[in-house]
């Protein structure tokens, strides 16, 4: 199985917002720079993450993006799903119609259950890892937190 850059970058971006801010809005260019993600591609990812209600944008001076949920409530699996990817290992076990026609060997295939169970376990694992877990790991590794987001809070209440 190979996840696309959209899943990997989306996860890194949500982690970055959680790890480098304290509820203050962060600009997409700052996340792009820290995570070495092309800004135009990150904007596309943020659009999907915003649509899935993991981030929201705030306009005006000091504006940017903030998380809409606590990092302990966002899993890697949530992010993968938000950018519309699946964790099926092979096409023959895909559940959605857009992934192609059902396998013609489905009834007599002895390996299909292996691929399906492997995908289930991968999904279960991704759903067990939260952004808070990643932040804790980063702190344990003594990863530097960016001080560029230590702006004065705006008078807005961020919910």
N, C-alpha and C. Protein backbone atom coordinates (compact mmCIF):
# COMPACT_ATOMS: atom_id res chain seq x y z
N UNK A 1 0.84 -1.18 0.00
CA UNK A 1 0.00 0.00 0.00
C UNK A 1 0.88 1.23 0.00
N UNK A 2 0.44 2.23 -0.73
CA UNK A 2 1.19 3.47 -0.78
C UNK A 2 0.20 4.62 -0.71
N UNK A 3 0.34 5.44 0.32
CA UNK A 3 -0.51 6.62 0.45
C UNK A 3 0.04 7.72 -0.46
N UNK A 4 -0.85 8.56 -0.92
CA UNK A 4 -0.42 9.67 -1.77
C UNK A 4 0.16 10.79 -0.91
N UNK A 5 0.78 11.73 -1.59
CA UNK A 5 1.33 12.89 -0.87
C UNK A 5 0.23 13.68 -0.19
N UNK A 6 -0.98 13.66 -0.72
CA UNK A 6 -2.06 14.42 -0.11
C UNK A 6 -2.34 13.93 1.32
N UNK A 7 -2.34 12.63 1.54
CA UNK A 7 -2.54 12.09 2.89
C UNK A 7 -1.36 12.42 3.80
N UNK A 8 -0.17 12.23 3.28
CA UNK A 8 1.02 12.49 4.09
C UNK A 8 1.15 13.97 4.42
N UNK A 9 0.98 14.82 3.43
CA UNK A 9 1.09 16.26 3.66
C UNK A 9 -0.06 16.77 4.53
N UNK A 10 -1.25 16.24 4.33
CA UNK A 10 -2.39 16.65 5.15
C UNK A 10 -2.16 16.33 6.61
N UNK A 11 -1.62 15.16 6.88
CA UNK A 11 -1.32 14.77 8.25
C UNK A 11 -0.24 15.67 8.84
N UNK A 12 0.81 15.93 8.07
CA UNK A 12 1.88 16.81 8.55
C UNK A 12 1.37 18.22 8.79
N UNK A 13 0.47 18.70 7.95
CA UNK A 13 -0.06 20.06 8.11
C UNK A 13 -0.90 20.18 9.37
N UNK A 14 -1.79 19.22 9.61
CA UNK A 14 -2.61 19.26 10.82
C UNK A 14 -1.72 19.14 12.06
N UNK A 15 -0.74 18.25 12.01
CA UNK A 15 0.23 18.14 13.11
C UNK A 15 0.91 19.48 13.33
N UNK A 16 1.36 20.13 12.27
CA UNK A 16 2.08 21.39 12.37
C UNK A 16 1.24 22.46 13.06
N UNK A 17 -0.01 22.55 12.68
CA UNK A 17 -0.89 23.55 13.31
C UNK A 17 -1.05 23.24 14.79
N UNK A 18 -1.25 21.98 15.12
CA UNK A 18 -1.43 21.59 16.52
C UNK A 18 -0.15 21.81 17.33
N UNK A 19 0.99 21.52 16.74
CA UNK A 19 2.26 21.55 17.48
C UNK A 19 2.84 22.96 17.60
N UNK A 20 2.64 23.77 16.59
CA UNK A 20 3.32 25.07 16.55
C UNK A 20 2.44 26.25 16.92
N UNK A 21 1.20 26.03 17.25
CA UNK A 21 0.34 27.14 17.64
C UNK A 21 -0.36 26.82 18.94
N UNK A 22 -0.85 27.84 19.56
CA UNK A 22 -1.62 27.66 20.80
C UNK A 22 -3.02 28.21 20.59
N UNK A 23 -3.65 27.78 19.52
CA UNK A 23 -5.00 28.23 19.21
C UNK A 23 -5.04 29.49 18.38
N UNK A 24 -3.89 30.08 18.10
CA UNK A 24 -3.84 31.27 17.26
C UNK A 24 -3.84 30.87 15.79
N UNK A 25 -4.40 31.71 14.94
CA UNK A 25 -4.39 31.39 13.50
C UNK A 25 -2.97 31.30 12.96
N UNK A 26 -2.76 30.39 12.05
CA UNK A 26 -1.47 30.20 11.39
C UNK A 26 -1.67 30.37 9.89
N UNK A 27 -0.72 31.02 9.26
CA UNK A 27 -0.83 31.23 7.82
C UNK A 27 -0.32 30.01 7.07
N UNK A 28 -0.95 29.75 5.94
CA UNK A 28 -0.61 28.58 5.14
C UNK A 28 0.85 28.63 4.72
N UNK A 29 1.37 29.82 4.46
CA UNK A 29 2.77 29.93 4.03
C UNK A 29 3.73 29.47 5.12
N UNK A 30 3.37 29.68 6.38
CA UNK A 30 4.23 29.24 7.48
C UNK A 30 4.25 27.72 7.59
N UNK A 31 3.08 27.10 7.46
CA UNK A 31 3.01 25.64 7.49
C UNK A 31 3.78 25.07 6.31
N UNK A 32 3.57 25.65 5.13
CA UNK A 32 4.26 25.19 3.92
C UNK A 32 5.77 25.26 4.10
N UNK A 33 6.25 26.34 4.69
CA UNK A 33 7.69 26.50 4.87
C UNK A 33 8.24 25.48 5.88
N UNK A 34 7.58 25.36 7.02
CA UNK A 34 8.07 24.43 8.04
C UNK A 34 8.04 22.98 7.58
N UNK A 35 7.00 22.61 6.84
CA UNK A 35 6.82 21.23 6.43
C UNK A 35 7.36 20.94 5.02
N UNK A 36 7.90 21.96 4.38
CA UNK A 36 8.47 21.82 3.04
C UNK A 36 7.46 21.23 2.06
N UNK A 37 6.28 21.86 2.04
CA UNK A 37 5.19 21.46 1.15
C UNK A 37 4.93 22.63 0.21
N UNK A 38 4.82 22.38 -1.09
CA UNK A 38 4.50 23.49 -2.01
C UNK A 38 3.20 24.18 -1.58
N UNK A 39 3.24 25.50 -1.51
CA UNK A 39 2.11 26.26 -0.97
C UNK A 39 0.83 26.05 -1.77
N UNK A 40 0.92 26.00 -3.08
CA UNK A 40 -0.29 25.81 -3.90
C UNK A 40 -0.92 24.44 -3.63
N UNK A 41 -0.10 23.43 -3.44
CA UNK A 41 -0.62 22.08 -3.15
C UNK A 41 -1.22 22.06 -1.74
N UNK A 42 -0.57 22.73 -0.81
CA UNK A 42 -1.08 22.79 0.55
C UNK A 42 -2.43 23.52 0.61
N UNK A 43 -2.60 24.53 -0.22
CA UNK A 43 -3.89 25.23 -0.27
C UNK A 43 -5.00 24.28 -0.72
N UNK A 44 -4.70 23.39 -1.67
CA UNK A 44 -5.69 22.40 -2.12
C UNK A 44 -6.03 21.44 -0.97
N UNK A 45 -5.01 21.03 -0.23
CA UNK A 45 -5.23 20.13 0.90
C UNK A 45 -6.04 20.83 1.98
N UNK A 46 -5.70 22.10 2.28
CA UNK A 46 -6.45 22.85 3.28
C UNK A 46 -7.92 23.00 2.88
N UNK A 47 -8.17 23.13 1.59
CA UNK A 47 -9.56 23.22 1.13
C UNK A 47 -10.33 21.96 1.52
N UNK A 48 -9.72 20.80 1.33
CA UNK A 48 -10.37 19.53 1.69
C UNK A 48 -10.50 19.40 3.21
N UNK A 49 -9.47 19.79 3.94
CA UNK A 49 -9.52 19.70 5.40
C UNK A 49 -10.54 20.67 5.98
N UNK A 50 -10.70 21.81 5.34
CA UNK A 50 -11.72 22.78 5.77
C UNK A 50 -13.11 22.23 5.50
N UNK A 51 -13.29 21.65 4.34
CA UNK A 51 -14.57 21.05 3.97
C UNK A 51 -14.96 19.92 4.94
N UNK A 52 -13.95 19.18 5.43
CA UNK A 52 -14.18 18.09 6.37
C UNK A 52 -14.27 18.60 7.82
N UNK A 53 -14.17 19.90 8.01
CA UNK A 53 -14.32 20.55 9.32
C UNK A 53 -13.21 20.20 10.32
N UNK A 54 -11.98 20.11 9.83
CA UNK A 54 -10.84 19.94 10.73
C UNK A 54 -10.13 21.26 10.98
N UNK A 55 -10.27 22.19 10.02
CA UNK A 55 -9.71 23.52 10.17
C UNK A 55 -10.74 24.54 9.72
N UNK A 56 -10.55 25.76 10.17
CA UNK A 56 -11.36 26.86 9.66
C UNK A 56 -10.43 28.04 9.44
N UNK A 57 -10.87 28.94 8.57
CA UNK A 57 -10.04 30.10 8.28
C UNK A 57 -10.62 31.32 8.97
N UNK A 58 -9.72 32.19 9.39
CA UNK A 58 -10.11 33.47 9.97
C UNK A 58 -9.48 34.55 9.13
N UNK A 59 -10.29 35.51 8.74
CA UNK A 59 -9.83 36.59 7.87
C UNK A 59 -9.32 37.76 8.68
N UNK A 60 -8.66 38.66 7.97
CA UNK A 60 -8.22 39.90 8.58
C UNK A 60 -6.80 39.83 9.12
N UNK A 61 -6.37 40.96 9.70
CA UNK A 61 -5.02 40.99 10.28
C UNK A 61 -4.88 39.92 11.36
N UNK A 62 -3.81 39.19 11.30
CA UNK A 62 -3.62 38.10 12.27
C UNK A 62 -4.43 36.87 11.94
N UNK A 63 -5.04 36.86 10.76
CA UNK A 63 -5.86 35.72 10.37
C UNK A 63 -5.03 34.54 9.89
N UNK A 64 -5.72 33.49 9.57
CA UNK A 64 -5.08 32.26 9.10
C UNK A 64 -5.98 31.09 9.40
N UNK A 65 -5.37 29.94 9.65
CA UNK A 65 -6.12 28.72 9.90
C UNK A 65 -5.95 28.27 11.34
N UNK A 66 -7.03 27.72 11.89
CA UNK A 66 -7.00 27.12 13.23
C UNK A 66 -7.71 25.78 13.16
N UNK A 67 -7.35 24.91 14.09
CA UNK A 67 -8.05 23.63 14.20
C UNK A 67 -9.44 23.85 14.75
N UNK A 68 -10.39 23.07 14.30
CA UNK A 68 -11.75 23.16 14.82
C UNK A 68 -12.02 22.11 15.89
N UNK A 69 -11.09 21.18 16.04
CA UNK A 69 -11.23 20.11 17.02
C UNK A 69 -9.94 20.02 17.83
N UNK A 70 -10.04 19.44 18.99
CA UNK A 70 -8.86 19.19 19.80
C UNK A 70 -7.99 18.15 19.09
N UNK A 71 -6.66 18.28 19.15
CA UNK A 71 -5.79 17.30 18.49
C UNK A 71 -6.03 15.86 18.94
N UNK A 72 -6.56 15.67 20.14
CA UNK A 72 -6.85 14.31 20.60
C UNK A 72 -8.07 13.71 19.92
N UNK A 73 -8.83 14.55 19.22
CA UNK A 73 -10.04 14.10 18.53
C UNK A 73 -9.84 13.90 17.03
N UNK A 74 -8.63 14.18 16.54
CA UNK A 74 -8.34 14.04 15.11
C UNK A 74 -7.37 12.88 14.93
N UNK A 75 -7.76 11.90 14.14
CA UNK A 75 -6.87 10.77 13.90
C UNK A 75 -6.26 10.86 12.50
N UNK A 76 -5.18 10.14 12.31
CA UNK A 76 -4.57 10.04 10.99
C UNK A 76 -5.59 9.47 10.01
N UNK A 77 -6.38 8.51 10.46
CA UNK A 77 -7.44 7.94 9.61
C UNK A 77 -8.45 8.98 9.18
N UNK A 78 -8.81 9.90 10.09
CA UNK A 78 -9.73 10.99 9.74
C UNK A 78 -9.18 11.83 8.60
N UNK A 79 -7.89 12.13 8.67
CA UNK A 79 -7.27 12.98 7.67
C UNK A 79 -7.21 12.26 6.33
N UNK A 80 -6.84 10.99 6.34
CA UNK A 80 -6.80 10.21 5.10
C UNK A 80 -8.18 10.20 4.46
N UNK A 81 -9.20 10.00 5.27
CA UNK A 81 -10.57 10.01 4.75
C UNK A 81 -10.97 11.39 4.23
N UNK A 82 -10.54 12.44 4.93
CA UNK A 82 -10.89 13.81 4.53
C UNK A 82 -10.33 14.18 3.17
N UNK A 83 -9.16 13.66 2.85
CA UNK A 83 -8.58 13.95 1.53
C UNK A 83 -9.01 12.90 0.51
N UNK A 84 -9.98 12.08 0.90
CA UNK A 84 -10.68 11.13 0.03
C UNK A 84 -9.77 10.05 -0.53
N UNK A 85 -9.05 9.41 0.37
CA UNK A 85 -8.25 8.27 -0.02
C UNK A 85 -8.74 7.04 0.72
N UNK A 86 -8.38 5.88 0.22
CA UNK A 86 -8.75 4.65 0.90
C UNK A 86 -7.49 3.86 1.19
N UNK A 87 -7.62 2.89 2.06
CA UNK A 87 -6.45 2.10 2.45
C UNK A 87 -6.52 0.67 1.93
N UNK A 88 -7.35 0.45 0.93
CA UNK A 88 -7.41 -0.88 0.34
C UNK A 88 -6.10 -1.18 -0.37
N UNK A 89 -5.62 -2.39 -0.19
CA UNK A 89 -4.34 -2.78 -0.77
C UNK A 89 -4.45 -3.10 -2.25
N UNK A 90 -5.58 -3.64 -2.66
CA UNK A 90 -5.79 -4.03 -4.05
C UNK A 90 -7.18 -3.58 -4.49
N UNK A 91 -7.33 -3.35 -5.78
CA UNK A 91 -8.59 -2.83 -6.31
C UNK A 91 -9.77 -3.77 -6.09
N UNK A 92 -9.52 -5.05 -6.02
CA UNK A 92 -10.64 -6.00 -5.95
C UNK A 92 -11.40 -5.95 -4.62
N UNK A 93 -10.87 -5.26 -3.63
CA UNK A 93 -11.59 -5.18 -2.36
C UNK A 93 -12.20 -3.80 -2.12
N UNK A 94 -12.04 -2.89 -3.07
CA UNK A 94 -12.62 -1.55 -2.94
C UNK A 94 -14.13 -1.65 -2.87
N UNK A 95 -14.70 -0.89 -1.97
CA UNK A 95 -16.14 -0.95 -1.75
C UNK A 95 -16.91 0.02 -2.64
N UNK A 96 -16.29 1.13 -3.05
CA UNK A 96 -17.03 2.16 -3.77
C UNK A 96 -17.09 1.84 -5.27
N UNK A 97 -18.17 2.26 -5.87
CA UNK A 97 -18.40 2.00 -7.30
C UNK A 97 -17.39 2.75 -8.16
N UNK A 98 -16.92 3.91 -7.69
CA UNK A 98 -15.99 4.69 -8.50
C UNK A 98 -14.62 4.03 -8.63
N UNK A 99 -14.35 3.04 -7.81
CA UNK A 99 -13.07 2.35 -7.85
C UNK A 99 -13.04 1.24 -8.90
N UNK A 100 -14.09 1.09 -9.65
CA UNK A 100 -14.09 0.08 -10.70
C UNK A 100 -15.14 -0.98 -10.48
N UNK A 101 -15.21 -1.88 -11.44
CA UNK A 101 -16.16 -2.98 -11.36
C UNK A 101 -15.71 -3.99 -10.32
N UNK A 102 -16.67 -4.72 -9.73
CA UNK A 102 -16.28 -5.77 -8.78
C UNK A 102 -15.43 -6.83 -9.47
N UNK A 103 -14.61 -7.47 -8.70
CA UNK A 103 -13.73 -8.51 -9.24
C UNK A 103 -14.57 -9.67 -9.77
N UNK A 104 -14.23 -10.13 -10.95
CA UNK A 104 -14.96 -11.25 -11.55
C UNK A 104 -14.65 -12.56 -10.84
N UNK A 105 -13.58 -12.61 -10.07
CA UNK A 105 -13.19 -13.83 -9.34
C UNK A 105 -13.60 -13.77 -7.88
N UNK A 106 -14.38 -12.81 -7.52
CA UNK A 106 -14.74 -12.59 -6.11
C UNK A 106 -15.24 -13.84 -5.42
N UNK A 107 -16.11 -14.59 -6.04
CA UNK A 107 -16.71 -15.77 -5.42
C UNK A 107 -15.72 -16.91 -5.18
N UNK A 108 -14.73 -17.06 -6.06
CA UNK A 108 -13.79 -18.16 -5.89
C UNK A 108 -12.39 -17.73 -5.45
N UNK A 109 -12.20 -16.47 -5.14
CA UNK A 109 -10.88 -15.96 -4.77
C UNK A 109 -10.58 -16.26 -3.30
N UNK A 110 -9.53 -17.00 -3.04
CA UNK A 110 -9.17 -17.35 -1.67
C UNK A 110 -8.30 -16.28 -1.01
N UNK A 111 -7.70 -15.39 -1.80
CA UNK A 111 -6.82 -14.37 -1.21
C UNK A 111 -7.54 -13.06 -0.91
N UNK A 112 -8.74 -12.88 -1.45
CA UNK A 112 -9.47 -11.62 -1.26
C UNK A 112 -9.66 -11.30 0.22
N UNK A 113 -9.96 -12.30 1.02
CA UNK A 113 -10.17 -12.07 2.45
C UNK A 113 -8.89 -11.61 3.14
N UNK A 114 -7.74 -12.06 2.66
CA UNK A 114 -6.46 -11.62 3.21
C UNK A 114 -6.27 -10.12 2.98
N UNK A 115 -6.52 -9.67 1.74
CA UNK A 115 -6.33 -8.26 1.40
C UNK A 115 -7.34 -7.40 2.15
N UNK A 116 -8.55 -7.90 2.28
CA UNK A 116 -9.60 -7.14 2.97
C UNK A 116 -9.26 -6.99 4.46
N UNK A 117 -8.79 -8.05 5.09
CA UNK A 117 -8.43 -7.99 6.51
C UNK A 117 -7.22 -7.10 6.74
N UNK A 118 -6.25 -7.16 5.85
CA UNK A 118 -5.07 -6.30 5.98
C UNK A 118 -5.48 -4.83 5.90
N UNK A 119 -6.36 -4.49 4.97
CA UNK A 119 -6.84 -3.12 4.84
C UNK A 119 -7.61 -2.69 6.10
N UNK A 120 -8.41 -3.61 6.66
CA UNK A 120 -9.16 -3.29 7.87
C UNK A 120 -8.21 -2.98 9.02
N UNK A 121 -7.14 -3.78 9.16
CA UNK A 121 -6.19 -3.55 10.24
C UNK A 121 -5.40 -2.26 10.06
N UNK A 122 -5.07 -1.94 8.83
CA UNK A 122 -4.37 -0.68 8.55
C UNK A 122 -5.27 0.49 8.91
N UNK A 123 -6.53 0.42 8.48
CA UNK A 123 -7.48 1.49 8.80
C UNK A 123 -7.66 1.61 10.31
N UNK A 124 -7.79 0.49 10.99
CA UNK A 124 -7.93 0.50 12.45
C UNK A 124 -6.72 1.18 13.11
N UNK A 125 -5.53 0.87 12.62
CA UNK A 125 -4.33 1.49 13.18
C UNK A 125 -4.34 3.00 12.93
N UNK A 126 -4.60 3.43 11.69
CA UNK A 126 -4.63 4.86 11.39
C UNK A 126 -5.66 5.57 12.25
N UNK A 127 -6.79 4.91 12.53
CA UNK A 127 -7.82 5.51 13.37
C UNK A 127 -7.45 5.53 14.85
N UNK A 128 -6.39 4.82 15.21
CA UNK A 128 -5.97 4.80 16.62
C UNK A 128 -4.89 5.84 16.94
N UNK A 129 -4.29 6.43 15.91
CA UNK A 129 -3.22 7.41 16.12
C UNK A 129 -3.81 8.80 15.98
N UNK A 130 -3.72 9.58 17.06
CA UNK A 130 -4.25 10.95 17.04
C UNK A 130 -3.15 11.96 16.78
N UNK A 131 -3.57 13.16 16.43
CA UNK A 131 -2.62 14.26 16.26
C UNK A 131 -1.96 14.58 17.60
N UNK A 132 -2.70 14.43 18.69
CA UNK A 132 -2.11 14.62 20.02
C UNK A 132 -0.98 13.62 20.26
N UNK A 133 -1.16 12.38 19.78
CA UNK A 133 -0.09 11.38 19.89
C UNK A 133 1.16 11.83 19.13
N UNK A 134 0.97 12.38 17.94
CA UNK A 134 2.10 12.85 17.14
C UNK A 134 2.79 14.02 17.83
N UNK A 135 2.01 14.92 18.44
CA UNK A 135 2.59 16.05 19.18
C UNK A 135 3.41 15.54 20.37
N UNK A 136 2.90 14.55 21.06
CA UNK A 136 3.62 13.97 22.19
C UNK A 136 4.93 13.33 21.71
N UNK A 137 4.88 12.60 20.61
CA UNK A 137 6.09 12.00 20.04
C UNK A 137 7.11 13.08 19.66
N UNK A 138 6.62 14.16 19.08
CA UNK A 138 7.51 15.25 18.68
C UNK A 138 8.20 15.87 19.90
N UNK A 139 7.44 16.05 20.97
CA UNK A 139 8.03 16.60 22.20
C UNK A 139 9.05 15.63 22.78
N UNK A 140 8.75 14.34 22.75
CA UNK A 140 9.69 13.33 23.24
C UNK A 140 10.98 13.31 22.42
N UNK A 141 10.87 13.67 21.14
CA UNK A 141 12.04 13.73 20.27
C UNK A 141 12.72 15.11 20.33
N UNK A 142 12.18 15.98 21.19
CA UNK A 142 12.70 17.34 21.35
C UNK A 142 12.69 18.14 20.05
N UNK A 143 11.64 17.94 19.24
CA UNK A 143 11.52 18.73 18.03
C UNK A 143 11.20 20.17 18.40
N UNK A 144 11.89 21.07 17.77
CA UNK A 144 11.73 22.49 18.03
C UNK A 144 10.32 22.94 17.62
N UNK A 145 9.73 23.77 18.46
CA UNK A 145 8.45 24.37 18.11
C UNK A 145 8.73 25.76 17.58
N UNK A 146 8.02 26.15 16.54
CA UNK A 146 8.26 27.43 15.88
C UNK A 146 7.71 28.57 16.71
N UNK A 147 8.55 29.50 17.02
CA UNK A 147 8.14 30.67 17.78
C UNK A 147 7.51 31.75 16.93
N UNK A 148 7.45 31.56 15.60
CA UNK A 148 6.88 32.57 14.72
C UNK A 148 5.38 32.73 14.91
N UNK A 149 4.76 31.79 15.60
CA UNK A 149 3.31 31.88 15.80
C UNK A 149 2.97 32.34 17.20
N UNK A 150 3.88 33.03 17.82
CA UNK A 150 3.61 33.54 19.16
C UNK A 150 3.11 34.97 19.09
N UNK A 151 2.22 35.24 18.13
CA UNK A 151 1.62 36.57 17.99
C UNK A 151 0.67 36.80 19.13
N UNK A 152 0.36 38.05 19.34
CA UNK A 152 -0.63 38.40 20.35
C UNK A 152 -1.99 37.90 19.88
N UNK A 153 -2.76 37.28 20.78
CA UNK A 153 -4.08 36.79 20.38
C UNK A 153 -4.98 37.96 19.97
N UNK A 154 -5.85 37.68 19.02
CA UNK A 154 -6.83 38.68 18.63
C UNK A 154 -7.94 38.69 19.66
N UNK A 155 -8.82 39.66 19.55
CA UNK A 155 -9.91 39.75 20.52
C UNK A 155 -11.00 38.74 20.25
N UNK A 156 -10.88 38.01 19.14
CA UNK A 156 -11.88 36.99 18.79
C UNK A 156 -11.76 35.80 19.72
N UNK A 157 -12.87 35.18 19.98
CA UNK A 157 -12.87 33.91 20.71
C UNK A 157 -12.81 32.81 19.69
N UNK A 158 -11.84 31.94 19.80
CA UNK A 158 -11.69 30.84 18.85
C UNK A 158 -12.34 29.61 19.44
N UNK A 159 -13.30 29.09 18.68
CA UNK A 159 -14.00 27.89 19.19
C UNK A 159 -13.65 26.69 18.39
